[in-house]
Amino acid sequence: MTESRWSRRSDVLRGQDYDQRWDRMAASGQNVHGEVDFLLSYQPESVLDAGCGTGRIAIELNRRGIHSVGVDLDRQMLEEAQRKAPHMVWCNEDLRDLELKSTFDIVVLAGNVMIFLEPGSELQVMQRLVRHVNNGGLLISGFSLQPEVLSLSRYDELVQHFGLSLAGRWGTWQRDPFDGGTYAVSVHRKTN
């Protein structure tokens, strides 16, 4: 199995254990679909959920009528996604090697995907992901800002290297303004 920062972590929950956190939040009345609400504001017909984990986002998008495909390197997380939604397409692949032969209105990297990548693989991952964005489509990423791992300026450089331009940035998936805090949701548009 290919390594990543995520796969080497022993302090993270996986599979059903991971989902229990979201189930508890939903049971307490919290909206656990903020990312989905955000994505739907762009009216996509198709979404690639890159680093989909147990499929929370892709499954909810599908439930709301959006064609969604999930890809993740962590087999245990992906098995849980497949168990919950066997009718959907789930790909157990490394984002560095991703080749789905299709494009999407939105490619989303939610849940800190960018900071869990193997160090030094960010440019290769970005190249693969941009290939999967329709012309005029969006690459949307939300992650905790950890300059020692990946700074926001470095992320922007990676995306702009492939010709995407910044279309918006917020501090949360609920569109709170980005004020230089510790989390950013960035939207980049592919125009060529």
N, C-alpha and C. Protein backbone atom coordinates (compact mmCIF):
# COMPACT_ATOMS: atom_id res chain seq x y z
N MET A 1 0.84 -1.18 0.00
CA MET A 1 0.00 0.00 0.00
C MET A 1 0.88 1.23 0.00
N THR A 2 0.53 2.22 -0.79
CA THR A 2 1.25 3.47 -0.85
C THR A 2 1.07 4.22 0.46
N GLU A 3 2.11 4.88 0.91
CA GLU A 3 2.08 5.60 2.18
C GLU A 3 1.61 7.04 1.99
N SER A 4 1.05 7.59 3.04
CA SER A 4 0.69 9.00 3.11
C SER A 4 0.77 9.40 4.57
N ARG A 5 0.71 10.69 4.83
CA ARG A 5 0.68 11.13 6.24
C ARG A 5 -0.49 10.48 6.96
N TRP A 6 -1.63 10.39 6.27
CA TRP A 6 -2.84 9.79 6.86
C TRP A 6 -2.59 8.33 7.24
N SER A 7 -2.04 7.55 6.31
CA SER A 7 -1.90 6.11 6.56
C SER A 7 -0.91 5.81 7.68
N ARG A 8 0.01 6.72 7.95
CA ARG A 8 0.97 6.50 9.03
C ARG A 8 0.45 6.94 10.39
N ARG A 9 -0.69 7.61 10.42
CA ARG A 9 -1.22 8.10 11.70
C ARG A 9 -1.93 6.98 12.44
N SER A 10 -1.63 6.86 13.70
CA SER A 10 -2.30 5.86 14.53
C SER A 10 -3.36 6.50 15.42
N ASP A 11 -3.45 7.84 15.38
CA ASP A 11 -4.36 8.54 16.27
C ASP A 11 -5.70 8.89 15.61
N VAL A 12 -5.95 8.37 14.42
CA VAL A 12 -7.19 8.71 13.73
C VAL A 12 -8.15 7.52 13.72
N LEU A 13 -9.42 7.84 13.72
CA LEU A 13 -10.45 6.81 13.63
C LEU A 13 -10.67 6.46 12.17
N ARG A 14 -11.00 5.22 11.93
CA ARG A 14 -11.23 4.77 10.56
C ARG A 14 -12.54 3.98 10.49
N GLY A 15 -13.08 3.88 9.26
CA GLY A 15 -14.27 3.07 9.02
C GLY A 15 -15.46 3.50 9.85
N GLN A 16 -16.16 2.54 10.43
CA GLN A 16 -17.35 2.83 11.22
C GLN A 16 -17.03 3.71 12.42
N ASP A 17 -15.85 3.54 13.01
CA ASP A 17 -15.46 4.38 14.15
C ASP A 17 -15.41 5.84 13.74
N TYR A 18 -14.91 6.12 12.55
CA TYR A 18 -14.85 7.48 12.03
C TYR A 18 -16.26 8.04 11.85
N ASP A 19 -17.14 7.24 11.28
CA ASP A 19 -18.51 7.68 11.04
C ASP A 19 -19.28 7.99 12.32
N GLN A 20 -18.96 7.32 13.41
CA GLN A 20 -19.68 7.54 14.66
C GLN A 20 -19.59 8.99 15.12
N ARG A 21 -18.48 9.65 14.85
CA ARG A 21 -18.32 11.06 15.20
C ARG A 21 -19.39 11.90 14.50
N TRP A 22 -19.57 11.65 13.20
CA TRP A 22 -20.55 12.41 12.43
C TRP A 22 -21.97 12.04 12.85
N ASP A 23 -22.19 10.79 13.18
CA ASP A 23 -23.51 10.36 13.64
C ASP A 23 -23.89 11.07 14.94
N ARG A 24 -22.93 11.21 15.86
CA ARG A 24 -23.18 11.90 17.12
C ARG A 24 -23.50 13.37 16.87
N MET A 25 -22.76 13.98 15.96
CA MET A 25 -23.01 15.39 15.64
C MET A 25 -24.40 15.57 15.05
N ALA A 26 -24.79 14.71 14.12
CA ALA A 26 -26.11 14.79 13.51
C ALA A 26 -27.20 14.57 14.55
N ALA A 27 -27.00 13.62 15.45
CA ALA A 27 -27.99 13.33 16.49
C ALA A 27 -28.18 14.52 17.43
N SER A 28 -27.13 15.35 17.58
CA SER A 28 -27.24 16.51 18.45
C SER A 28 -27.84 17.72 17.72
N GLY A 29 -28.22 17.53 16.46
CA GLY A 29 -28.86 18.60 15.70
C GLY A 29 -27.92 19.43 14.84
N GLN A 30 -26.65 19.09 14.81
CA GLN A 30 -25.70 19.84 13.99
C GLN A 30 -25.85 19.44 12.52
N ASN A 31 -25.62 20.40 11.64
CA ASN A 31 -25.62 20.13 10.20
C ASN A 31 -24.27 19.52 9.84
N VAL A 32 -24.26 18.27 9.47
CA VAL A 32 -23.00 17.60 9.11
C VAL A 32 -22.78 17.63 7.60
N HIS A 33 -23.59 18.40 6.89
CA HIS A 33 -23.48 18.46 5.44
C HIS A 33 -23.15 19.86 4.94
N GLY A 34 -22.39 20.61 5.73
CA GLY A 34 -22.00 21.96 5.32
C GLY A 34 -21.22 21.97 4.02
N GLU A 35 -20.35 20.98 3.84
CA GLU A 35 -19.58 20.91 2.59
C GLU A 35 -20.51 20.69 1.40
N VAL A 36 -21.50 19.82 1.57
CA VAL A 36 -22.45 19.53 0.49
C VAL A 36 -23.26 20.77 0.16
N ASP A 37 -23.75 21.47 1.17
CA ASP A 37 -24.49 22.70 0.94
C ASP A 37 -23.64 23.70 0.16
N PHE A 38 -22.39 23.81 0.53
CA PHE A 38 -21.45 24.71 -0.15
C PHE A 38 -21.31 24.31 -1.61
N LEU A 39 -21.05 23.04 -1.87
CA LEU A 39 -20.86 22.56 -3.23
C LEU A 39 -22.11 22.77 -4.08
N LEU A 40 -23.28 22.52 -3.52
CA LEU A 40 -24.52 22.66 -4.28
C LEU A 40 -24.80 24.10 -4.68
N SER A 41 -24.22 25.05 -3.98
CA SER A 41 -24.43 26.46 -4.34
C SER A 41 -23.84 26.75 -5.73
N TYR A 42 -22.95 25.90 -6.22
CA TYR A 42 -22.37 26.05 -7.56
C TYR A 42 -23.14 25.26 -8.63
N GLN A 43 -24.19 24.59 -8.23
CA GLN A 43 -25.08 23.84 -9.11
C GLN A 43 -24.34 22.83 -10.00
N PRO A 44 -23.52 21.97 -9.42
CA PRO A 44 -22.82 20.97 -10.24
C PRO A 44 -23.76 19.84 -10.64
N GLU A 45 -23.41 19.21 -11.75
CA GLU A 45 -24.10 17.98 -12.14
C GLU A 45 -23.27 16.77 -11.75
N SER A 46 -21.96 16.99 -11.55
CA SER A 46 -21.07 15.89 -11.20
C SER A 46 -19.97 16.38 -10.26
N VAL A 47 -19.59 15.51 -9.30
CA VAL A 47 -18.56 15.84 -8.32
C VAL A 47 -17.66 14.64 -8.10
N LEU A 48 -16.36 14.88 -8.12
CA LEU A 48 -15.38 13.89 -7.71
C LEU A 48 -14.96 14.23 -6.29
N ASP A 49 -15.21 13.34 -5.37
CA ASP A 49 -14.84 13.51 -3.96
C ASP A 49 -13.49 12.83 -3.77
N ALA A 50 -12.43 13.62 -3.87
CA ALA A 50 -11.06 13.11 -3.78
C ALA A 50 -10.63 13.05 -2.33
N GLY A 51 -10.31 11.84 -1.87
CA GLY A 51 -10.03 11.64 -0.45
C GLY A 51 -11.35 11.52 0.29
N CYS A 52 -12.25 10.71 -0.24
CA CYS A 52 -13.64 10.65 0.21
C CYS A 52 -13.84 9.98 1.56
N GLY A 53 -12.84 9.28 2.06
CA GLY A 53 -13.01 8.59 3.34
C GLY A 53 -14.16 7.61 3.29
N THR A 54 -15.08 7.72 4.24
CA THR A 54 -16.21 6.80 4.32
C THR A 54 -17.39 7.25 3.46
N GLY A 55 -17.18 8.28 2.64
CA GLY A 55 -18.18 8.66 1.65
C GLY A 55 -19.26 9.62 2.10
N ARG A 56 -19.09 10.22 3.26
CA ARG A 56 -20.14 11.11 3.80
C ARG A 56 -20.58 12.16 2.77
N ILE A 57 -19.65 12.82 2.12
CA ILE A 57 -19.99 13.89 1.19
C ILE A 57 -20.55 13.32 -0.11
N ALA A 58 -19.86 12.37 -0.70
CA ALA A 58 -20.31 11.80 -1.98
C ALA A 58 -21.70 11.17 -1.85
N ILE A 59 -21.95 10.48 -0.75
CA ILE A 59 -23.25 9.82 -0.56
C ILE A 59 -24.36 10.86 -0.44
N GLU A 60 -24.10 11.93 0.31
CA GLU A 60 -25.12 12.97 0.45
C GLU A 60 -25.36 13.70 -0.87
N LEU A 61 -24.30 13.95 -1.62
CA LEU A 61 -24.47 14.55 -2.95
C LEU A 61 -25.34 13.65 -3.83
N ASN A 62 -25.04 12.37 -3.82
CA ASN A 62 -25.82 11.41 -4.60
C ASN A 62 -27.28 11.41 -4.16
N ARG A 63 -27.50 11.45 -2.86
CA ARG A 63 -28.86 11.48 -2.32
C ARG A 63 -29.62 12.71 -2.83
N ARG A 64 -28.88 13.80 -3.08
CA ARG A 64 -29.50 15.04 -3.56
C ARG A 64 -29.49 15.14 -5.09
N GLY A 65 -29.18 14.04 -5.77
CA GLY A 65 -29.31 13.98 -7.21
C GLY A 65 -28.08 14.37 -8.00
N ILE A 66 -26.94 14.47 -7.37
CA ILE A 66 -25.70 14.83 -8.06
C ILE A 66 -24.87 13.58 -8.30
N HIS A 67 -24.45 13.37 -9.55
CA HIS A 67 -23.57 12.23 -9.86
C HIS A 67 -22.26 12.43 -9.11
N SER A 68 -21.90 11.48 -8.27
CA SER A 68 -20.70 11.59 -7.44
C SER A 68 -19.88 10.32 -7.50
N VAL A 69 -18.58 10.51 -7.52
CA VAL A 69 -17.62 9.41 -7.49
C VAL A 69 -16.68 9.68 -6.34
N GLY A 70 -16.36 8.65 -5.56
CA GLY A 70 -15.43 8.81 -4.45
C GLY A 70 -14.15 8.04 -4.69
N VAL A 71 -13.04 8.64 -4.30
CA VAL A 71 -11.74 7.98 -4.40
C VAL A 71 -10.99 8.18 -3.09
N ASP A 72 -10.36 7.11 -2.63
CA ASP A 72 -9.57 7.19 -1.41
C ASP A 72 -8.51 6.10 -1.42
N LEU A 73 -7.40 6.38 -0.77
CA LEU A 73 -6.30 5.43 -0.67
C LEU A 73 -6.50 4.46 0.50
N ASP A 74 -7.22 4.90 1.53
CA ASP A 74 -7.42 4.10 2.73
C ASP A 74 -8.52 3.07 2.49
N ARG A 75 -8.10 1.82 2.33
CA ARG A 75 -9.05 0.75 1.99
C ARG A 75 -10.13 0.58 3.07
N GLN A 76 -9.78 0.70 4.33
CA GLN A 76 -10.76 0.52 5.40
C GLN A 76 -11.85 1.60 5.34
N MET A 77 -11.45 2.84 5.07
CA MET A 77 -12.43 3.91 4.94
C MET A 77 -13.33 3.66 3.73
N LEU A 78 -12.72 3.28 2.62
CA LEU A 78 -13.47 3.07 1.38
C LEU A 78 -14.42 1.87 1.49
N GLU A 79 -14.02 0.85 2.21
CA GLU A 79 -14.91 -0.31 2.41
C GLU A 79 -16.18 0.11 3.13
N GLU A 80 -16.05 1.05 4.07
CA GLU A 80 -17.23 1.54 4.77
C GLU A 80 -18.13 2.33 3.80
N ALA A 81 -17.53 3.13 2.93
CA ALA A 81 -18.31 3.86 1.93
C ALA A 81 -19.05 2.87 1.03
N GLN A 82 -18.36 1.84 0.58
CA GLN A 82 -18.98 0.84 -0.28
C GLN A 82 -20.11 0.10 0.44
N ARG A 83 -19.93 -0.17 1.71
CA ARG A 83 -20.97 -0.84 2.48
C ARG A 83 -22.23 0.02 2.56
N LYS A 84 -22.05 1.31 2.77
CA LYS A 84 -23.18 2.22 2.93
C LYS A 84 -23.87 2.53 1.60
N ALA A 85 -23.11 2.56 0.51
CA ALA A 85 -23.68 2.93 -0.79
C ALA A 85 -23.08 2.07 -1.90
N PRO A 86 -23.45 0.79 -1.95
CA PRO A 86 -22.86 -0.12 -2.93
C PRO A 86 -23.20 0.23 -4.38
N HIS A 87 -24.22 1.03 -4.59
CA HIS A 87 -24.64 1.43 -5.94
C HIS A 87 -23.76 2.53 -6.53
N MET A 88 -22.90 3.13 -5.71
CA MET A 88 -22.06 4.24 -6.19
C MET A 88 -20.69 3.74 -6.62
N VAL A 89 -19.97 4.58 -7.35
CA VAL A 89 -18.62 4.25 -7.81
C VAL A 89 -17.62 4.71 -6.75
N TRP A 90 -16.82 3.75 -6.27
CA TRP A 90 -15.77 4.01 -5.28
C TRP A 90 -14.46 3.48 -5.84
N CYS A 91 -13.42 4.28 -5.80
CA CYS A 91 -12.12 3.89 -6.36
C CYS A 91 -11.06 3.91 -5.28
N ASN A 92 -10.43 2.78 -5.07
CA ASN A 92 -9.34 2.68 -4.10
C ASN A 92 -8.03 2.97 -4.83
N GLU A 93 -7.68 4.26 -4.88
CA GLU A 93 -6.51 4.69 -5.63
C GLU A 93 -5.75 5.79 -4.89
N ASP A 94 -4.49 5.88 -5.22
CA ASP A 94 -3.62 6.96 -4.76
C ASP A 94 -3.89 8.16 -5.67
N LEU A 95 -4.11 9.33 -5.09
CA LEU A 95 -4.39 10.51 -5.90
C LEU A 95 -3.23 10.86 -6.84
N ARG A 96 -2.03 10.39 -6.51
CA ARG A 96 -0.87 10.64 -7.39
C ARG A 96 -0.98 9.89 -8.71
N ASP A 97 -1.78 8.83 -8.73
CA ASP A 97 -1.91 7.99 -9.92
C ASP A 97 -3.30 8.02 -10.52
N LEU A 98 -4.15 8.90 -10.04
CA LEU A 98 -5.56 8.91 -10.42
C LEU A 98 -5.75 9.13 -11.91
N GLU A 99 -6.49 8.23 -12.53
CA GLU A 99 -6.83 8.34 -13.96
C GLU A 99 -8.19 7.69 -14.17
N LEU A 100 -9.25 8.51 -14.08
CA LEU A 100 -10.61 7.98 -14.19
C LEU A 100 -11.18 8.07 -15.59
N LYS A 101 -10.50 8.75 -16.49
CA LYS A 101 -10.97 8.90 -17.87
C LYS A 101 -12.32 9.62 -17.94
N SER A 102 -12.59 10.47 -16.97
CA SER A 102 -13.78 11.31 -16.99
C SER A 102 -13.47 12.60 -16.24
N THR A 103 -14.28 13.62 -16.51
CA THR A 103 -14.11 14.89 -15.82
C THR A 103 -15.38 15.25 -15.08
N PHE A 104 -15.26 16.23 -14.19
CA PHE A 104 -16.35 16.58 -13.28
C PHE A 104 -16.50 18.09 -13.21
N ASP A 105 -17.70 18.53 -12.88
CA ASP A 105 -17.94 19.96 -12.67
C ASP A 105 -17.15 20.47 -11.47
N ILE A 106 -17.05 19.63 -10.44
CA ILE A 106 -16.30 19.98 -9.23
C ILE A 106 -15.45 18.79 -8.81
N VAL A 107 -14.20 19.08 -8.49
CA VAL A 107 -13.35 18.13 -7.76
C VAL A 107 -13.17 18.74 -6.39
N VAL A 108 -13.57 18.01 -5.35
CA VAL A 108 -13.50 18.54 -4.00
C VAL A 108 -12.53 17.73 -3.16
N LEU A 109 -11.76 18.45 -2.36
CA LEU A 109 -10.86 17.86 -1.38
C LEU A 109 -11.27 18.44 -0.02
N ALA A 110 -12.14 17.75 0.66
CA ALA A 110 -12.60 18.21 1.97
C ALA A 110 -11.85 17.42 3.05
N GLY A 111 -12.01 17.80 4.27
CA GLY A 111 -11.46 17.00 5.37
C GLY A 111 -9.95 16.94 5.42
N ASN A 112 -9.28 18.03 5.09
CA ASN A 112 -7.82 18.11 5.26
C ASN A 112 -7.03 17.20 4.33
N VAL A 113 -7.59 16.82 3.21
CA VAL A 113 -6.90 15.92 2.28
C VAL A 113 -5.51 16.46 1.93
N MET A 114 -5.42 17.74 1.63
CA MET A 114 -4.14 18.30 1.17
C MET A 114 -3.03 18.18 2.21
N ILE A 115 -3.37 18.26 3.48
CA ILE A 115 -2.30 18.17 4.49
C ILE A 115 -2.01 16.73 4.91
N PHE A 116 -2.78 15.78 4.40
CA PHE A 116 -2.51 14.37 4.67
C PHE A 116 -1.74 13.68 3.55
N LEU A 117 -1.47 14.42 2.46
CA LEU A 117 -0.71 13.84 1.36
C LEU A 117 0.72 13.55 1.76
N GLU A 118 1.34 12.62 1.07
CA GLU A 118 2.75 12.33 1.29
C GLU A 118 3.56 13.59 0.98
N PRO A 119 4.45 14.01 1.87
CA PRO A 119 5.25 15.21 1.61
C PRO A 119 5.96 15.14 0.26
N GLY A 120 5.85 16.21 -0.49
CA GLY A 120 6.49 16.28 -1.79
C GLY A 120 5.62 15.79 -2.94
N SER A 121 4.44 15.24 -2.63
CA SER A 121 3.58 14.70 -3.69
C SER A 121 2.52 15.71 -4.14
N GLU A 122 2.47 16.87 -3.52
CA GLU A 122 1.38 17.81 -3.77
C GLU A 122 1.27 18.23 -5.24
N LEU A 123 2.39 18.50 -5.88
CA LEU A 123 2.34 18.92 -7.29
C LEU A 123 1.81 17.81 -8.18
N GLN A 124 2.25 16.60 -7.94
CA GLN A 124 1.79 15.45 -8.73
C GLN A 124 0.29 15.22 -8.51
N VAL A 125 -0.15 15.32 -7.27
CA VAL A 125 -1.58 15.14 -6.97
C VAL A 125 -2.39 16.22 -7.66
N MET A 126 -1.92 17.46 -7.57
CA MET A 126 -2.66 18.56 -8.19
C MET A 126 -2.78 18.36 -9.70
N GLN A 127 -1.70 17.91 -10.32
CA GLN A 127 -1.73 17.66 -11.77
C GLN A 127 -2.82 16.65 -12.10
N ARG A 128 -2.89 15.56 -11.34
CA ARG A 128 -3.90 14.52 -11.59
C ARG A 128 -5.32 15.04 -11.36
N LEU A 129 -5.49 15.83 -10.31
CA LEU A 129 -6.83 16.32 -9.99
C LEU A 129 -7.32 17.32 -11.03
N VAL A 130 -6.44 18.22 -11.46
CA VAL A 130 -6.83 19.24 -12.44
C VAL A 130 -7.28 18.57 -13.74
N ARG A 131 -6.68 17.45 -14.09
CA ARG A 131 -7.10 16.70 -15.29
C ARG A 131 -8.55 16.25 -15.21
N HIS A 132 -9.07 16.14 -14.00
CA HIS A 132 -10.43 15.64 -13.80
C HIS A 132 -11.47 16.75 -13.65
N VAL A 133 -11.03 18.01 -13.78
CA VAL A 133 -11.95 19.15 -13.69
C VAL A 133 -12.38 19.56 -15.10
N ASN A 134 -13.69 19.66 -15.33
CA ASN A 134 -14.20 20.16 -16.61
C ASN A 134 -13.68 21.56 -16.87
N ASN A 135 -13.56 21.94 -18.14
CA ASN A 135 -13.28 23.34 -18.46
C ASN A 135 -14.40 24.19 -17.91
N GLY A 136 -14.06 25.23 -17.19
CA GLY A 136 -15.04 26.05 -16.51
C GLY A 136 -15.43 25.52 -15.15
N GLY A 137 -14.93 24.33 -14.82
CA GLY A 137 -15.25 23.69 -13.55
C GLY A 137 -14.40 24.20 -12.40
N LEU A 138 -14.63 23.61 -11.24
CA LEU A 138 -14.00 24.10 -10.01
C LEU A 138 -13.21 23.02 -9.29
N LEU A 139 -12.12 23.45 -8.68
CA LEU A 139 -11.38 22.65 -7.72
C LEU A 139 -11.60 23.33 -6.38
N ILE A 140 -12.17 22.61 -5.43
CA ILE A 140 -12.50 23.18 -4.13
C ILE A 140 -11.82 22.37 -3.04
N SER A 141 -11.11 23.07 -2.17
CA SER A 141 -10.36 22.39 -1.12
C SER A 141 -10.52 23.12 0.20
N GLY A 142 -10.73 22.35 1.26
CA GLY A 142 -10.78 22.92 2.60
C GLY A 142 -9.79 22.19 3.48
N PHE A 143 -8.91 22.94 4.15
CA PHE A 143 -7.95 22.29 5.03
C PHE A 143 -7.44 23.24 6.10
N SER A 144 -7.00 22.64 7.21
CA SER A 144 -6.38 23.40 8.29
C SER A 144 -5.05 23.94 7.81
N LEU A 145 -4.81 25.18 8.13
CA LEU A 145 -3.58 25.83 7.68
C LEU A 145 -2.45 25.48 8.64
N GLN A 146 -1.52 24.71 8.12
CA GLN A 146 -0.35 24.28 8.87
C GLN A 146 0.87 24.61 8.01
N PRO A 147 1.41 25.83 8.17
CA PRO A 147 2.50 26.28 7.29
C PRO A 147 3.68 25.32 7.22
N GLU A 148 3.92 24.58 8.28
CA GLU A 148 5.04 23.63 8.25
C GLU A 148 4.74 22.42 7.37
N VAL A 149 3.46 22.20 7.07
CA VAL A 149 3.04 21.10 6.21
C VAL A 149 2.69 21.63 4.81
N LEU A 150 1.76 22.58 4.75
CA LEU A 150 1.36 23.20 3.49
C LEU A 150 0.76 24.57 3.79
N SER A 151 1.43 25.60 3.32
CA SER A 151 0.91 26.95 3.52
C SER A 151 -0.14 27.27 2.47
N LEU A 152 -0.96 28.25 2.75
CA LEU A 152 -1.98 28.65 1.79
C LEU A 152 -1.34 29.24 0.54
N SER A 153 -0.27 29.98 0.69
CA SER A 153 0.40 30.55 -0.49
C SER A 153 0.99 29.43 -1.36
N ARG A 154 1.54 28.39 -0.73
CA ARG A 154 2.07 27.26 -1.51
C ARG A 154 0.93 26.53 -2.21
N TYR A 155 -0.19 26.36 -1.55
CA TYR A 155 -1.35 25.73 -2.18
C TYR A 155 -1.77 26.53 -3.41
N ASP A 156 -1.88 27.84 -3.27
CA ASP A 156 -2.26 28.68 -4.40
C ASP A 156 -1.27 28.54 -5.55
N GLU A 157 0.02 28.47 -5.24
CA GLU A 157 1.04 28.28 -6.29
C GLU A 157 0.82 26.97 -7.04
N LEU A 158 0.53 25.91 -6.29
CA LEU A 158 0.29 24.60 -6.91
C LEU A 158 -0.87 24.65 -7.89
N VAL A 159 -1.96 25.25 -7.46
CA VAL A 159 -3.16 25.30 -8.28
C VAL A 159 -2.94 26.21 -9.49
N GLN A 160 -2.34 27.37 -9.26
CA GLN A 160 -2.11 28.32 -10.34
C GLN A 160 -1.11 27.80 -11.36
N HIS A 161 -0.22 26.91 -10.93
CA HIS A 161 0.75 26.28 -11.84
C HIS A 161 0.03 25.59 -13.00
N PHE A 162 -1.18 25.10 -12.73
CA PHE A 162 -1.95 24.39 -13.75
C PHE A 162 -3.04 25.27 -14.37
N GLY A 163 -2.92 26.58 -14.19
CA GLY A 163 -3.79 27.52 -14.89
C GLY A 163 -5.13 27.80 -14.24
N LEU A 164 -5.36 27.34 -13.03
CA LEU A 164 -6.61 27.65 -12.35
C LEU A 164 -6.48 28.99 -11.63
N SER A 165 -7.58 29.72 -11.55
CA SER A 165 -7.54 31.02 -10.88
C SER A 165 -8.48 31.02 -9.67
N LEU A 166 -8.09 31.78 -8.68
CA LEU A 166 -8.87 31.85 -7.44
C LEU A 166 -10.22 32.50 -7.73
N ALA A 167 -11.29 31.80 -7.36
CA ALA A 167 -12.65 32.30 -7.57
C ALA A 167 -13.32 32.66 -6.25
N GLY A 168 -12.71 32.31 -5.13
CA GLY A 168 -13.27 32.64 -3.82
C GLY A 168 -12.54 31.92 -2.71
N ARG A 169 -12.56 32.53 -1.53
CA ARG A 169 -11.94 31.90 -0.35
C ARG A 169 -12.72 32.30 0.88
N TRP A 170 -12.97 31.28 1.73
CA TRP A 170 -13.71 31.51 2.96
C TRP A 170 -12.99 30.84 4.13
N GLY A 171 -13.41 31.19 5.32
CA GLY A 171 -12.83 30.62 6.53
C GLY A 171 -13.52 29.35 6.99
N THR A 172 -14.71 29.08 6.42
CA THR A 172 -15.48 27.88 6.76
C THR A 172 -16.30 27.46 5.55
N TRP A 173 -16.87 26.26 5.63
CA TRP A 173 -17.78 25.78 4.59
C TRP A 173 -19.11 26.53 4.63
N GLN A 174 -19.36 27.28 5.69
CA GLN A 174 -20.59 28.08 5.79
C GLN A 174 -20.37 29.49 5.24
N ARG A 175 -19.24 29.70 4.58
CA ARG A 175 -18.88 30.95 3.92
C ARG A 175 -18.59 32.10 4.89
N ASP A 176 -18.13 31.78 6.08
CA ASP A 176 -17.62 32.85 6.94
C ASP A 176 -16.39 33.44 6.26
N PRO A 177 -16.21 34.75 6.35
CA PRO A 177 -15.07 35.38 5.66
C PRO A 177 -13.74 34.79 6.12
N PHE A 178 -12.82 34.68 5.19
CA PHE A 178 -11.47 34.25 5.54
C PHE A 178 -10.72 35.46 6.08
N ASP A 179 -10.26 35.35 7.32
CA ASP A 179 -9.58 36.47 7.96
C ASP A 179 -8.14 36.14 8.33
N GLY A 180 -7.57 35.16 7.62
CA GLY A 180 -6.21 34.76 7.94
C GLY A 180 -6.14 33.76 9.07
N GLY A 181 -7.25 33.14 9.40
CA GLY A 181 -7.33 32.19 10.51
C GLY A 181 -6.64 30.87 10.22
N THR A 182 -7.12 29.82 10.87
CA THR A 182 -6.44 28.52 10.83
C THR A 182 -7.06 27.52 9.87
N TYR A 183 -8.09 27.93 9.12
CA TYR A 183 -8.75 27.04 8.18
C TYR A 183 -9.17 27.86 6.96
N ALA A 184 -9.07 27.26 5.79
CA ALA A 184 -9.48 27.96 4.57
C ALA A 184 -10.19 27.00 3.63
N VAL A 185 -11.24 27.50 3.00
CA VAL A 185 -11.93 26.82 1.91
C VAL A 185 -11.64 27.64 0.66
N SER A 186 -10.94 27.05 -0.29
CA SER A 186 -10.52 27.76 -1.50
C SER A 186 -11.21 27.18 -2.72
N VAL A 187 -11.69 28.08 -3.57
CA VAL A 187 -12.37 27.70 -4.81
C VAL A 187 -11.53 28.25 -5.97
N HIS A 188 -11.07 27.36 -6.83
CA HIS A 188 -10.29 27.75 -8.02
C HIS A 188 -11.03 27.26 -9.26
N ARG A 189 -11.04 28.11 -10.29
CA ARG A 189 -11.75 27.79 -11.53
C ARG A 189 -10.76 27.44 -12.64
N LYS A 190 -11.13 26.41 -13.40
CA LYS A 190 -10.34 26.00 -14.57
C LYS A 190 -10.93 26.68 -15.80
N THR A 191 -10.13 27.46 -16.50
CA THR A 191 -10.66 28.22 -17.62
C THR A 191 -10.05 27.84 -18.95
N ASN A 192 -9.18 26.84 -18.97
CA ASN A 192 -8.61 26.43 -20.28
C ASN A 192 -8.64 24.94 -20.43
